[in-house]
C-alpha atoms as a PDB file:
ATOM      1  CA  MET A   1      12.623 -20.542 -19.463  1.00  0.00           C
ATOM      2  CA  THR A   2       9.758 -22.709 -20.726  1.00  0.00           C
ATOM      3  CA  ARG A   3       8.076 -22.728 -17.336  1.00  0.00           C
ATOM      4  CA  ARG A   4       8.382 -18.945 -17.063  1.00  0.00           C
ATOM      5  CA  VAL A   5       6.901 -18.393 -20.535  1.00  0.00           C
ATOM      6  CA  SER A   6       4.121 -20.853 -19.801  1.00  0.00           C
ATOM      7  CA  ASP A   7       3.304 -19.112 -16.511  1.00  0.00           C
ATOM      8  CA  ARG A   8       3.345 -15.702 -18.203  1.00  0.00           C
ATOM      9  CA  PHE A   9       1.024 -16.889 -20.998  1.00  0.00           C
ATOM     10  CA  ARG A  10      -1.357 -18.456 -18.504  1.00  0.00           C
ATOM     11  CA  ALA A  11      -1.426 -15.232 -16.467  1.00  0.00           C
ATOM     12  CA  MET A  12      -2.170 -13.222 -19.609  1.00  0.00           C
ATOM     13  CA  VAL A  13      -5.109 -15.471 -20.475  1.00  0.00           C
ATOM     14  CA  VAL A  14      -6.477 -15.354 -16.936  1.00  0.00           C
ATOM     15  CA  GLU A  15      -6.191 -11.548 -16.817  1.00  0.00           C
ATOM     16  CA  GLY A  16      -7.917 -11.296 -20.200  1.00  0.00           C
ATOM     17  CA  LEU A  17     -10.849 -13.242 -18.809  1.00  0.00           C
ATOM     18  CA  ALA A  18     -11.164 -10.996 -15.753  1.00  0.00           C
ATOM     19  CA  THR A  19     -14.353  -9.493 -17.120  1.00  0.00           C
ATOM     20  CA  LYS A  20     -15.958 -12.947 -17.302  1.00  0.00           C
ATOM     21  CA  PRO A  21     -15.768 -14.506 -13.811  1.00  0.00           C
ATOM     22  CA  ALA A  22     -17.226 -17.886 -14.798  1.00  0.00           C
ATOM     23  CA  GLN A  23     -14.758 -18.359 -17.663  1.00  0.00           C
ATOM     24  CA  GLN A  24     -11.899 -17.071 -15.504  1.00  0.00           C
ATOM     25  CA  ALA A  25     -12.583 -19.745 -12.895  1.00  0.00           C
ATOM     26  CA  ARG A  26     -12.559 -22.413 -15.610  1.00  0.00           C
ATOM     27  CA  ALA A  27      -9.280 -21.076 -17.045  1.00  0.00           C
ATOM     28  CA  GLU A  28      -7.600 -21.077 -13.637  1.00  0.00           C
ATOM     29  CA  ALA A  29      -8.668 -24.680 -13.104  1.00  0.00           C
ATOM     30  CA  VAL A  30      -6.849 -25.940 -16.230  1.00  0.00           C
ATOM     31  CA  PRO A  31      -3.741 -27.901 -15.206  1.00  0.00           C
ATOM     32  CA  LEU A  32      -0.450 -26.353 -16.292  1.00  0.00           C
ATOM     33  CA  GLY A  33       0.643 -29.655 -17.860  1.00  0.00           C
ATOM     34  CA  PHE A  34      -2.362 -29.568 -20.187  1.00  0.00           C
ATOM     35  CA  ALA A  35      -1.478 -26.055 -21.356  1.00  0.00           C
ATOM     36  CA  ARG A  36       2.105 -27.173 -22.020  1.00  0.00           C
ATOM     37  CA  PHE A  37       0.846 -30.184 -23.976  1.00  0.00           C
ATOM     38  CA  ILE A  38      -1.321 -27.976 -26.195  1.00  0.00           C
ATOM     39  CA  GLY A  39       1.621 -25.602 -26.726  1.00  0.00           C
ATOM     40  CA  GLY A  40       3.837 -28.548 -27.657  1.00  0.00           C
ATOM     41  CA  VAL A  41       1.312 -29.787 -30.198  1.00  0.00           C
ATOM     42  CA  PHE A  42       1.205 -26.348 -31.835  1.00  0.00           C
ATOM     43  CA  MET A  43       5.019 -26.217 -31.839  1.00  0.00           C
ATOM     44  CA  VAL A  44       5.334 -29.601 -33.546  1.00  0.00           C
ATOM     45  CA  CYS A  45       2.686 -28.666 -36.121  1.00  0.00           C
ATOM     46  CA  GLY A  46       4.567 -25.461 -36.867  1.00  0.00           C
ATOM     47  CA  MET A  47       7.874 -27.287 -37.167  1.00  0.00           C
ATOM     48  CA  ILE A  48       6.290 -29.555 -39.772  1.00  0.00           C
ATOM     49  CA  ALA A  49       4.215 -26.938 -41.602  1.00  0.00           C
ATOM     50  CA  ILE A  50       6.965 -24.353 -42.158  1.00  0.00           C
ATOM     51  CA  PRO A  51       9.425 -26.653 -43.992  1.00  0.00           C
ATOM     52  CA  VAL A  52       6.562 -28.142 -46.025  1.00  0.00           C
ATOM     53  CA  ALA A  53       5.377 -24.658 -47.021  1.00  0.00           C
ATOM     54  CA  ILE A  54       8.931 -23.653 -48.006  1.00  0.00           C
ATOM     55  CA  ALA A  55       9.363 -26.842 -50.040  1.00  0.00           C
ATOM     56  CA  MET A  56       6.076 -26.230 -51.846  1.00  0.00           C
ATOM     57  CA  MET A  57       7.072 -22.637 -52.648  1.00  0.00           C
ATOM     58  CA  VAL A  58      10.446 -23.754 -53.981  1.00  0.00           C
ATOM     59  CA  LYS A  59       8.847 -26.404 -56.213  1.00  0.00           C
ATOM     60  CA  GLY A  60       6.551 -23.736 -57.663  1.00  0.00           C
END
């Protein structure tokens, strides 16, 4: 599932850049592993930020 979602997201970004050929070529050249790494970093940050935000709201 992760690979499918990653491929779908990458396709969406590439299609969104269709009007800018130079940027589209750069986006297509990005390795899939790099995109997954960036997604993983955002996931970990979210997993940390959400519980911290909830704890801060509970403390008041």
